[in-house]
Amino acid sequence: MFESLTDRLSKTLKHLRGQGRLTEDNIKDAMREVRRALLEADVALPVVKAFVANVQEKSLGQEVSSSLSPGQAVIKIVQGELEQLMGEKNESLDLAAQPPAVIMMAGLQGAGKTTSVGKLAKRLKETEKKKVLVVSCDVYRPAAIDQLEVLAKQVGVEFFPSQGEQDPRDIAARALDFAKKHYFDVLLVDTAGRLHVDADMMDEIKALHASINPVETLFVVDSMTGQDAAKTAKAFDDALPLTGVILTKTDGDARGGAALSIRHITGKPIKFLGSGEKTDALEAFHPDRMASRILGMGDVLSLIEEVEQKVDKEQAQKLAQKIQKEGRFDLEDFLNQLQQMKNMGGVTSLLDKMPGMNGMADKVKGQIDDKQFVHMEAIIQSMTPKERARPDLIKGSRKRRIAAGSGRTVQEVNRLLKQFTQMQKMMKKMKGGGLKKMMRGLGGMPGMGGMLPPGMK
């Protein structure tokens, strides 16, 4: 998300950064480019006007800090306005209510409500340590109830059964009664997708809301609809007391107009971002971190949280000890590393969050497709345990068998073995105190010293 906006803003602000003195003219020129960038990102026009006016006013009346150049000062103002536009800070779910805390999902057809229920249930169970019950009140869409039941099993939460011929209010009331009797912390209620122009359906969801009185009413919206997402959210907010928004399909949205428009237009915070179909592809929305990411400054805090949640620390510790003691690294270890990287969203996802890597993600995308890692994984999984432990055994006939078993070519098998050999050589250098020596060597290379952590130069 925000790829095109980040690229345009980076070029504009880079030009400003080089200015020794800011004048009304060069600020106006820069703001004209910022306006274009925001409109191209499908940000709603009233939001663009307010944003540009605020930045321009603050930039012209800015007393520049002695530690900042004039250009840096404007960038700081832009960052602050982006944060304010998106809500300044993360607003978490209100789970402090008398259990069970009822959370109701609303939104248009196809926005991803049911998938979001599964993702949120998993997050609440694993991160918040809550006992979660899910129920579907979608009696219109074929297989909606079955879909939620499958998701509930996948994420390990309890599913309350319902039938297509039942009344949604009756389903919700029975689910709530069951949740109370069995001491659930949270009840997640999935509702049918509806159009805000459909008066009957909107009346039904109002009645459902009144019957269960949820502590959170989350509007689930497809981010790829751009500024229309904000307009739809406003229409729903007029009918229901929404408490927040979940933006879905952000992995397919390169513009980000919805994220920048919703808070300003509706006054409701974005609470979560959903990307992809995987049940763990839901992250809390932090406006300050997102502003940093938009300006190409990375998002270290989200990267650390992702590592904490998705990297198998015990496995990583064992590998580190194995390399330190024996200097040994085999194809099984290589496979584990590929899988860990895939769990974290792949190379490009990691680069987007790393400071100083602005623009690098696109360059890498041209050279490394994350699908390559899937292919590499398939190749290694087609090897026998003995071959993974001793790659030197893999010769002509074995290579042909592995290629056929993985659906890849012999050339791809050769390429993987070459990449593995290079990594194996690097790992062997880390045996004993080799890691520190290698880092010291890097620290002595021109331009590398400043990239190493303190104490490792």
Protein backbone atom coordinates (compact mmCIF):
# COMPACT_ATOMS: atom_id res chain seq x y z
CA MET A 1 0.00 0.00 0.00
CA PHE A 2 1.06 3.63 -0.71
CA GLU A 3 3.81 2.61 -3.19
CA SER A 4 2.97 5.31 -5.76
CA LEU A 5 2.33 7.97 -3.09
CA THR A 6 5.62 7.18 -1.34
CA ASP A 7 7.49 7.47 -4.63
CA ARG A 8 5.94 10.85 -5.54
CA LEU A 9 6.29 12.36 -2.06
CA SER A 10 9.89 11.16 -1.76
CA LYS A 11 10.90 12.95 -4.98
CA THR A 12 9.12 16.17 -3.98
CA LEU A 13 10.47 16.24 -0.44
CA LYS A 14 13.98 15.27 -1.59
CA HIS A 15 14.05 18.45 -3.67
CA LEU A 16 12.92 20.48 -0.62
CA ARG A 17 15.51 18.81 1.61
CA GLY A 18 18.27 20.24 -0.54
CA GLN A 19 17.02 23.83 -0.21
CA GLY A 20 19.15 26.04 2.02
CA ARG A 21 16.27 28.48 2.43
CA LEU A 22 12.53 27.98 2.02
CA THR A 23 10.49 30.63 0.23
CA GLU A 24 6.77 30.96 -0.34
CA ASP A 25 7.34 30.02 -4.00
CA ASN A 26 9.23 26.76 -3.46
CA ILE A 27 6.81 25.69 -0.71
CA LYS A 28 3.89 26.36 -3.10
CA ASP A 29 5.62 24.35 -5.84
CA ALA A 30 6.17 21.47 -3.43
CA MET A 31 2.56 21.58 -2.18
CA ARG A 32 1.31 21.51 -5.78
CA GLU A 33 3.19 18.23 -6.24
CA VAL A 34 1.93 16.90 -2.90
CA ARG A 35 -1.64 17.75 -3.97
CA ARG A 36 -1.18 15.83 -7.24
CA ALA A 37 0.33 12.87 -5.42
CA LEU A 38 -2.60 12.68 -2.98
CA LEU A 39 -5.21 12.98 -5.75
CA GLU A 40 -3.48 10.25 -7.75
CA ALA A 41 -3.60 8.09 -4.60
CA ASP A 42 -7.43 8.53 -4.74
CA VAL A 43 -7.60 10.57 -1.55
CA ALA A 44 -10.92 12.44 -1.21
CA LEU A 45 -10.73 16.06 -2.44
CA PRO A 46 -11.82 17.72 0.87
CA VAL A 47 -9.08 15.75 2.65
CA VAL A 48 -6.46 16.84 0.09
CA LYS A 49 -7.47 20.51 0.39
CA ALA A 50 -7.34 20.47 4.21
CA PHE A 51 -4.01 18.59 4.28
CA VAL A 52 -2.23 20.88 1.78
CA ALA A 53 -3.58 24.04 3.44
CA ASN A 54 -2.39 22.91 6.89
CA VAL A 55 1.09 21.93 5.69
CA GLN A 56 1.51 25.16 3.72
CA GLU A 57 0.39 27.34 6.63
CA LYS A 58 2.67 25.61 9.15
CA SER A 59 5.63 25.58 6.75
CA LEU A 60 5.46 29.32 6.08
CA GLY A 61 5.08 30.18 9.75
CA GLN A 62 7.68 27.64 10.88
CA GLU A 63 10.50 28.61 13.20
CA VAL A 64 13.14 26.15 12.09
CA SER A 65 14.82 24.19 14.86
CA SER A 66 18.59 24.62 15.00
CA SER A 67 19.00 20.85 14.56
CA LEU A 68 16.90 20.74 11.38
CA SER A 69 17.43 22.18 7.91
CA PRO A 70 14.43 24.07 6.45
CA GLY A 71 13.67 21.11 4.17
CA GLN A 72 13.80 18.65 7.07
CA ALA A 73 11.46 20.91 9.04
CA VAL A 74 8.83 20.71 6.26
CA ILE A 75 9.17 16.93 6.10
CA LYS A 76 8.54 16.85 9.86
CA ILE A 77 5.41 18.95 9.35
CA VAL A 78 4.19 16.63 6.54
CA GLN A 79 4.77 13.60 8.77
CA GLY A 80 2.84 15.21 11.64
CA GLU A 81 -0.08 16.11 9.37
CA LEU A 82 -0.20 12.57 7.94
CA GLU A 83 -0.36 11.19 11.48
CA GLN A 84 -3.13 13.60 12.43
CA LEU A 85 -5.04 12.80 9.24
CA MET A 86 -5.02 9.06 10.03
CA GLY A 87 -5.75 9.43 13.75
CA GLU A 88 -2.41 10.13 15.53
CA LYS A 89 -2.31 6.86 17.51
CA ASN A 90 -3.56 3.29 17.40
CA GLU A 91 -7.00 2.85 18.96
CA SER A 92 -7.34 -0.68 20.29
CA LEU A 93 -10.56 -2.62 20.80
CA ASP A 94 -12.60 -1.91 23.92
CA LEU A 95 -12.54 -5.29 25.66
CA ALA A 96 -12.96 -3.95 29.19
CA ALA A 97 -16.74 -4.56 29.13
CA GLN A 98 -18.52 -7.20 31.22
CA PRO A 99 -17.76 -10.51 29.42
CA PRO A 100 -18.59 -11.45 26.81
CA ALA A 101 -17.51 -8.31 24.93
CA VAL A 102 -19.64 -8.38 21.77
CA ILE A 103 -17.99 -7.27 18.53
CA MET A 104 -20.21 -6.91 15.45
CA MET A 105 -18.90 -6.77 11.88
CA ALA A 106 -20.72 -4.76 9.22
CA GLY A 107 -19.92 -3.91 5.61
CA LEU A 108 -20.65 -4.36 1.93
CA GLN A 109 -20.85 -7.66 0.10
CA GLY A 110 -17.40 -8.99 -0.81
CA ALA A 111 -15.48 -6.67 1.52
CA GLY A 112 -13.98 -9.60 3.45
CA LYS A 113 -16.05 -9.60 6.65
CA THR A 114 -16.05 -13.36 7.26
CA THR A 115 -12.31 -13.66 6.63
CA SER A 116 -11.74 -10.68 8.95
CA VAL A 117 -13.80 -12.39 11.68
CA GLY A 118 -11.45 -15.40 11.46
CA LYS A 119 -8.33 -13.20 11.49
CA LEU A 120 -9.57 -11.13 14.43
CA ALA A 121 -10.57 -14.25 16.37
CA LYS A 122 -7.05 -15.64 15.93
CA ARG A 123 -5.48 -12.35 17.02
CA LEU A 124 -7.67 -12.07 20.13
CA LYS A 125 -6.95 -15.67 21.09
CA GLU A 126 -3.19 -15.55 20.57
CA THR A 127 -2.26 -11.93 21.35
CA GLU A 128 -4.92 -10.97 23.90
CA LYS A 129 -5.30 -14.52 25.37
CA LYS A 130 -9.10 -14.32 25.10
CA LYS A 131 -11.61 -17.17 24.94
CA VAL A 132 -13.46 -16.41 21.68
CA LEU A 133 -16.80 -17.55 20.25
CA VAL A 134 -17.78 -16.74 16.64
CA VAL A 135 -21.25 -16.82 15.08
CA SER A 136 -22.58 -16.11 11.59
CA CYS A 137 -25.82 -14.15 11.18
CA ASP A 138 -25.42 -14.13 7.39
CA VAL A 139 -28.47 -16.15 6.34
CA TYR A 140 -28.44 -14.87 2.75
CA ARG A 141 -25.07 -15.78 1.22
CA PRO A 142 -24.76 -19.47 0.35
CA ALA A 143 -22.08 -21.23 2.42
CA ALA A 144 -21.34 -18.12 4.55
CA ILE A 145 -22.05 -20.09 7.74
CA ASP A 146 -19.92 -23.03 6.54
CA GLN A 147 -17.05 -20.67 5.65
CA LEU A 148 -16.97 -19.24 9.17
CA GLU A 149 -17.11 -22.73 10.69
CA VAL A 150 -14.06 -23.77 8.63
CA LEU A 151 -12.18 -20.60 9.64
CA ALA A 152 -13.04 -21.15 13.33
CA LYS A 153 -11.50 -24.64 13.17
CA GLN A 154 -8.40 -23.27 11.43
CA VAL A 155 -7.73 -20.66 14.11
CA GLY A 156 -8.80 -22.83 17.05
CA VAL A 157 -11.82 -20.92 18.38
CA GLU A 158 -15.35 -22.14 19.08
CA PHE A 159 -18.09 -21.79 16.48
CA PHE A 160 -21.76 -21.32 17.38
CA PRO A 161 -23.93 -23.15 14.79
CA SER A 162 -26.71 -21.38 12.89
CA GLN A 163 -29.07 -22.18 10.01
CA GLY A 164 -30.01 -20.26 6.86
CA GLU A 165 -33.73 -20.22 7.68
CA GLN A 166 -33.27 -18.63 11.13
CA ASP A 167 -33.79 -14.97 12.02
CA PRO A 168 -30.44 -13.12 12.50
CA ARG A 169 -31.62 -11.59 15.80
CA ASP A 170 -32.57 -15.02 17.15
CA ILE A 171 -29.17 -16.44 16.13
CA ALA A 172 -27.32 -13.57 17.83
CA ALA A 173 -29.43 -13.79 21.02
CA ARG A 174 -28.83 -17.54 21.38
CA ALA A 175 -25.09 -17.11 20.69
CA LEU A 176 -24.88 -14.37 23.32
CA ASP A 177 -26.71 -16.54 25.88
CA PHE A 178 -24.34 -19.45 25.11
CA ALA A 179 -21.29 -17.16 25.45
CA LYS A 180 -22.47 -15.97 28.88
CA LYS A 181 -23.19 -19.47 30.18
CA HIS A 182 -19.83 -20.83 29.00
CA TYR A 183 -17.71 -17.88 30.16
CA PHE A 184 -16.43 -16.61 26.81
CA ASP A 185 -14.46 -13.35 26.87
CA VAL A 186 -15.44 -12.23 23.36
CA LEU A 187 -18.33 -12.93 20.97
CA LEU A 188 -17.62 -12.05 17.32
CA VAL A 189 -20.79 -11.60 15.23
CA ASP A 190 -20.55 -11.85 11.43
CA THR A 191 -23.40 -10.18 9.52
CA ALA A 192 -24.67 -10.33 5.95
CA GLY A 193 -23.13 -8.03 3.36
CA ARG A 194 -25.46 -5.24 2.38
CA LEU A 195 -25.62 -2.07 0.31
CA HIS A 196 -26.30 1.18 2.15
CA VAL A 197 -29.01 1.92 -0.43
CA ASP A 198 -30.84 -1.29 0.58
CA ALA A 199 -33.27 0.10 3.17
CA ASP A 200 -34.65 -3.28 4.30
CA MET A 201 -31.20 -4.74 4.92
CA MET A 202 -30.08 -1.62 6.77
CA ASP A 203 -33.18 -1.79 8.97
CA GLU A 204 -32.36 -5.42 9.73
CA ILE A 205 -28.78 -4.67 10.83
CA LYS A 206 -30.01 -1.76 12.98
CA ALA A 207 -32.44 -4.14 14.72
CA LEU A 208 -29.66 -6.73 15.14
CA HIS A 209 -27.36 -4.10 16.63
CA ALA A 210 -30.06 -2.97 19.08
CA SER A 211 -30.74 -6.54 20.19
CA ILE A 212 -27.13 -7.39 21.15
CA ASN A 213 -25.75 -3.91 21.99
CA PRO A 214 -22.12 -4.59 20.92
CA VAL A 215 -19.21 -2.77 22.56
CA GLU A 216 -17.52 -2.57 19.15
CA THR A 217 -19.20 -2.20 15.74
CA LEU A 218 -16.49 -2.51 13.11
CA PHE A 219 -17.02 -1.51 9.50
CA VAL A 220 -15.11 -3.81 7.14
CA VAL A 221 -14.22 -2.15 3.83
CA ASP A 222 -12.16 -3.02 0.75
CA SER A 223 -9.24 -0.55 0.58
CA MET A 224 -9.09 -0.89 -3.23
CA THR A 225 -12.33 1.11 -3.52
CA GLY A 226 -10.28 4.22 -2.58
CA GLN A 227 -12.19 7.32 -1.54
CA ASP A 228 -15.48 5.44 -2.14
CA ALA A 229 -14.54 3.39 0.93
CA ALA A 230 -14.71 6.56 3.04
CA LYS A 231 -18.07 7.57 1.54
CA THR A 232 -19.53 4.11 2.20
CA ALA A 233 -18.20 4.15 5.76
CA LYS A 234 -19.91 7.53 6.26
CA ALA A 235 -23.22 6.11 4.97
CA PHE A 236 -22.98 3.16 7.38
CA ASP A 237 -21.98 5.42 10.25
CA ASP A 238 -25.16 7.45 9.68
CA ALA A 239 -27.16 4.23 10.20
CA LEU A 240 -25.04 2.48 12.87
CA PRO A 241 -22.89 3.77 15.74
CA LEU A 242 -19.59 2.53 14.25
CA THR A 243 -16.59 2.39 16.59
CA GLY A 244 -13.88 1.66 14.03
CA VAL A 245 -12.85 0.39 10.60
CA ILE A 246 -11.00 -2.65 9.29
CA LEU A 247 -9.36 -1.98 5.91
CA THR A 248 -9.06 -5.21 3.90
CA LYS A 249 -7.10 -6.23 0.78
CA THR A 250 -4.39 -3.66 1.47
CA ASP A 251 -1.86 -5.94 -0.27
CA GLY A 252 -3.65 -5.22 -3.57
CA ASP A 253 -3.96 -1.47 -3.01
CA ALA A 254 -0.97 0.53 -4.26
CA ARG A 255 -2.65 3.91 -3.70
CA GLY A 256 -3.84 4.08 -0.09
CA GLY A 257 -6.58 6.68 -0.64
CA ALA A 258 -8.99 4.91 1.73
CA ALA A 259 -6.54 4.92 4.64
CA LEU A 260 -5.94 8.65 4.23
CA SER A 261 -9.62 9.60 3.79
CA ILE A 262 -11.67 7.52 6.22
CA ARG A 263 -10.73 9.16 9.53
CA HIS A 264 -11.21 12.69 8.18
CA ILE A 265 -14.59 11.95 6.58
CA THR A 266 -16.15 9.66 9.21
CA GLY A 267 -14.29 10.58 12.38
CA LYS A 268 -13.90 6.83 13.01
CA PRO A 269 -10.45 5.29 13.54
CA ILE A 270 -8.95 2.58 11.37
CA LYS A 271 -8.22 -0.18 13.89
CA PHE A 272 -6.81 -2.96 11.68
CA LEU A 273 -5.34 -3.60 8.23
CA GLY A 274 -5.98 -6.92 6.50
CA SER A 275 -3.77 -8.23 3.72
CA GLY A 276 -4.17 -11.53 1.92
CA GLU A 277 -6.17 -14.61 2.83
CA LYS A 278 -3.92 -16.03 5.57
CA THR A 279 -5.49 -16.01 9.03
CA ASP A 280 -2.51 -14.17 10.56
CA ALA A 281 -2.58 -11.40 7.91
CA LEU A 282 -4.16 -8.78 10.17
CA GLU A 283 -2.13 -6.00 11.79
CA ALA A 284 -3.05 -3.17 14.16
CA PHE A 285 -3.13 0.20 12.39
CA HIS A 286 -0.64 2.71 13.81
CA PRO A 287 -0.97 6.13 12.11
CA ASP A 288 2.49 7.29 13.26
CA ARG A 289 4.18 4.18 11.85
CA MET A 290 2.16 4.38 8.63
CA ALA A 291 3.14 8.04 8.14
CA SER A 292 6.78 7.02 8.54
CA ARG A 293 6.30 4.25 5.98
CA ILE A 294 4.59 6.61 3.49
CA LEU A 295 7.58 8.98 3.69
CA GLY A 296 10.00 6.10 3.04
CA MET A 297 11.40 6.12 6.59
CA GLY A 298 10.51 2.52 7.33
CA ASP A 299 8.57 1.04 10.23
CA VAL A 300 11.00 -0.54 12.67
CA LEU A 301 8.49 -1.06 15.49
CA SER A 302 6.13 -3.10 13.27
CA LEU A 303 9.11 -5.05 11.96
CA ILE A 304 10.19 -5.92 15.53
CA GLU A 305 6.63 -6.92 16.47
CA GLU A 306 6.42 -9.11 13.37
CA VAL A 307 9.69 -10.83 14.26
CA GLU A 308 8.47 -11.36 17.84
CA GLN A 309 5.20 -12.91 16.68
CA LYS A 310 6.23 -14.90 13.61
CA VAL A 311 9.83 -16.05 14.08
CA ASP A 312 10.35 -19.34 15.89
CA LYS A 313 12.83 -18.12 18.52
CA GLU A 314 13.71 -21.60 19.77
CA GLN A 315 14.53 -22.76 16.24
CA ALA A 316 16.57 -19.59 15.57
CA GLN A 317 18.53 -20.09 18.82
CA LYS A 318 19.33 -23.71 17.93
CA LEU A 319 20.57 -22.69 14.47
CA ALA A 320 22.74 -19.92 15.95
CA GLN A 321 24.31 -22.35 18.45
CA LYS A 322 24.87 -24.97 15.72
CA ILE A 323 26.64 -22.45 13.48
CA GLN A 324 28.70 -20.98 16.35
CA LYS A 325 29.90 -24.42 17.51
CA GLU A 326 30.16 -26.44 14.30
CA GLY A 327 30.01 -23.93 11.46
CA ARG A 328 27.51 -26.33 9.88
CA PHE A 329 24.55 -25.19 7.78
CA ASP A 330 22.59 -27.66 5.66
CA LEU A 331 19.63 -27.55 3.28
CA GLU A 332 17.18 -28.32 6.10
CA ASP A 333 18.37 -25.13 7.83
CA PHE A 334 18.09 -23.27 4.52
CA LEU A 335 14.48 -24.49 4.14
CA ASN A 336 13.64 -23.30 7.66
CA GLN A 337 15.02 -19.84 6.86
CA LEU A 338 12.93 -19.64 3.67
CA GLN A 339 9.80 -20.59 5.63
CA GLN A 340 10.49 -18.01 8.35
CA MET A 341 10.88 -15.31 5.70
CA LYS A 342 7.63 -16.40 4.01
CA ASN A 343 5.82 -16.19 7.38
CA MET A 344 6.93 -12.56 7.65
CA GLY A 345 5.45 -11.65 4.27
CA GLY A 346 8.50 -12.17 2.05
CA VAL A 347 11.48 -10.00 1.12
CA THR A 348 9.56 -7.01 -0.26
CA SER A 349 7.36 -6.79 2.86
CA LEU A 350 10.46 -6.68 5.06
CA LEU A 351 12.17 -4.06 2.86
CA ASP A 352 9.10 -1.79 3.04
CA LYS A 353 9.50 -1.63 6.83
CA MET A 354 13.26 -1.06 6.90
CA PRO A 355 14.54 2.53 7.26
CA GLY A 356 16.61 3.86 4.39
CA MET A 357 15.25 1.26 1.97
CA ASN A 358 12.85 3.62 0.20
CA GLY A 359 12.71 2.66 -3.48
CA MET A 360 14.76 -0.47 -2.86
CA ALA A 361 11.66 -2.68 -2.58
CA ASP A 362 10.69 -1.89 -6.20
CA LYS A 363 14.23 -2.54 -7.44
CA VAL A 364 14.31 -5.85 -5.60
CA LYS A 365 10.86 -6.77 -6.95
CA GLY A 366 12.36 -6.56 -10.42
CA GLN A 367 15.08 -9.04 -9.46
CA ILE A 368 13.48 -11.20 -6.76
CA ASP A 369 9.91 -12.41 -6.96
CA ASP A 370 8.68 -13.89 -3.67
CA LYS A 371 7.33 -16.79 -5.80
CA GLN A 372 10.96 -17.82 -6.25
CA PHE A 373 11.05 -18.68 -2.55
CA VAL A 374 8.01 -20.93 -3.00
CA HIS A 375 9.82 -22.67 -5.88
CA MET A 376 12.98 -23.05 -3.80
CA GLU A 377 10.94 -24.51 -0.95
CA ALA A 378 9.35 -27.05 -3.35
CA ILE A 379 12.80 -28.09 -4.64
CA ILE A 380 14.21 -28.71 -1.15
CA GLN A 381 11.07 -30.58 -0.08
CA SER A 382 11.56 -32.92 -3.06
CA MET A 383 14.95 -33.99 -1.65
CA THR A 384 15.46 -36.91 0.73
CA PRO A 385 16.58 -36.17 4.33
CA LYS A 386 20.01 -37.56 3.41
CA GLU A 387 20.31 -35.18 0.43
CA ARG A 388 19.32 -32.21 2.59
CA ALA A 389 22.00 -33.12 5.13
CA ARG A 390 24.64 -33.82 2.45
CA PRO A 391 24.06 -31.62 -0.64
CA ASP A 392 27.33 -32.87 -2.17
CA LEU A 393 25.46 -36.13 -2.99
CA ILE A 394 23.17 -34.31 -5.41
CA LYS A 395 24.51 -35.08 -8.89
CA GLY A 396 22.99 -35.58 -12.37
CA SER A 397 20.31 -38.27 -11.85
CA ARG A 398 19.35 -36.94 -8.40
CA LYS A 399 18.99 -33.42 -9.83
CA ARG A 400 16.66 -34.71 -12.57
CA ARG A 401 14.54 -36.58 -9.99
CA ILE A 402 14.33 -33.52 -7.68
CA ALA A 403 13.40 -31.25 -10.63
CA ALA A 404 10.63 -33.63 -11.74
CA GLY A 405 9.34 -34.04 -8.16
CA SER A 406 9.13 -30.27 -7.56
CA GLY A 407 7.80 -29.32 -11.01
CA ARG A 408 10.86 -27.12 -11.64
CA THR A 409 13.79 -27.38 -14.08
CA VAL A 410 17.28 -28.82 -13.54
CA GLN A 411 18.64 -25.29 -14.11
CA GLU A 412 16.56 -24.04 -11.14
CA VAL A 413 17.88 -26.88 -8.97
CA ASN A 414 21.45 -25.90 -9.95
CA ARG A 415 20.72 -22.24 -9.16
CA LEU A 416 19.37 -23.12 -5.71
CA LEU A 417 22.41 -25.30 -4.92
CA LYS A 418 24.72 -22.45 -5.98
CA GLN A 419 22.88 -19.96 -3.72
CA PHE A 420 22.97 -22.45 -0.87
CA THR A 421 26.74 -22.99 -1.30
CA GLN A 422 27.32 -19.22 -1.08
CA MET A 423 25.26 -18.99 2.10
CA GLN A 424 26.98 -22.05 3.55
CA LYS A 425 30.41 -20.42 3.05
CA MET A 426 29.20 -17.28 4.81
CA MET A 427 27.79 -19.31 7.72
CA LYS A 428 31.08 -21.19 8.16
CA LYS A 429 32.83 -17.85 8.72
CA MET A 430 30.58 -17.30 11.73
CA LYS A 431 31.96 -20.31 13.61
CA GLY A 432 33.52 -19.30 16.95
CA GLY A 433 34.12 -15.56 16.89
CA GLY A 434 33.82 -15.34 13.12
CA LEU A 435 30.69 -13.20 13.19
CA LYS A 436 32.44 -10.37 15.06
CA LYS A 437 35.46 -10.58 12.73
CA MET A 438 33.18 -10.43 9.69
CA MET A 439 31.32 -7.39 11.10
CA ARG A 440 34.61 -5.67 11.94
CA GLY A 441 35.68 -6.24 8.34
CA LEU A 442 32.45 -4.73 7.05
CA GLY A 443 32.88 -1.79 9.43
CA GLY A 444 36.25 -1.06 7.83
CA MET A 445 34.82 -0.98 4.32
CA PRO A 446 34.10 2.49 2.85
CA GLY A 447 30.50 3.51 3.50
CA MET A 448 29.69 0.46 5.64
CA GLY A 449 30.71 1.75 9.06
CA GLY A 450 27.63 3.90 9.50
CA MET A 451 25.34 1.00 8.66
CA LEU A 452 26.49 -1.22 11.52
CA PRO A 453 25.00 -1.15 15.02
CA PRO A 454 26.91 0.75 17.74
CA GLY A 455 29.68 -1.32 19.28
CA MET A 456 30.14 -3.46 16.15
CA LYS A 457 32.39 -1.13 14.19
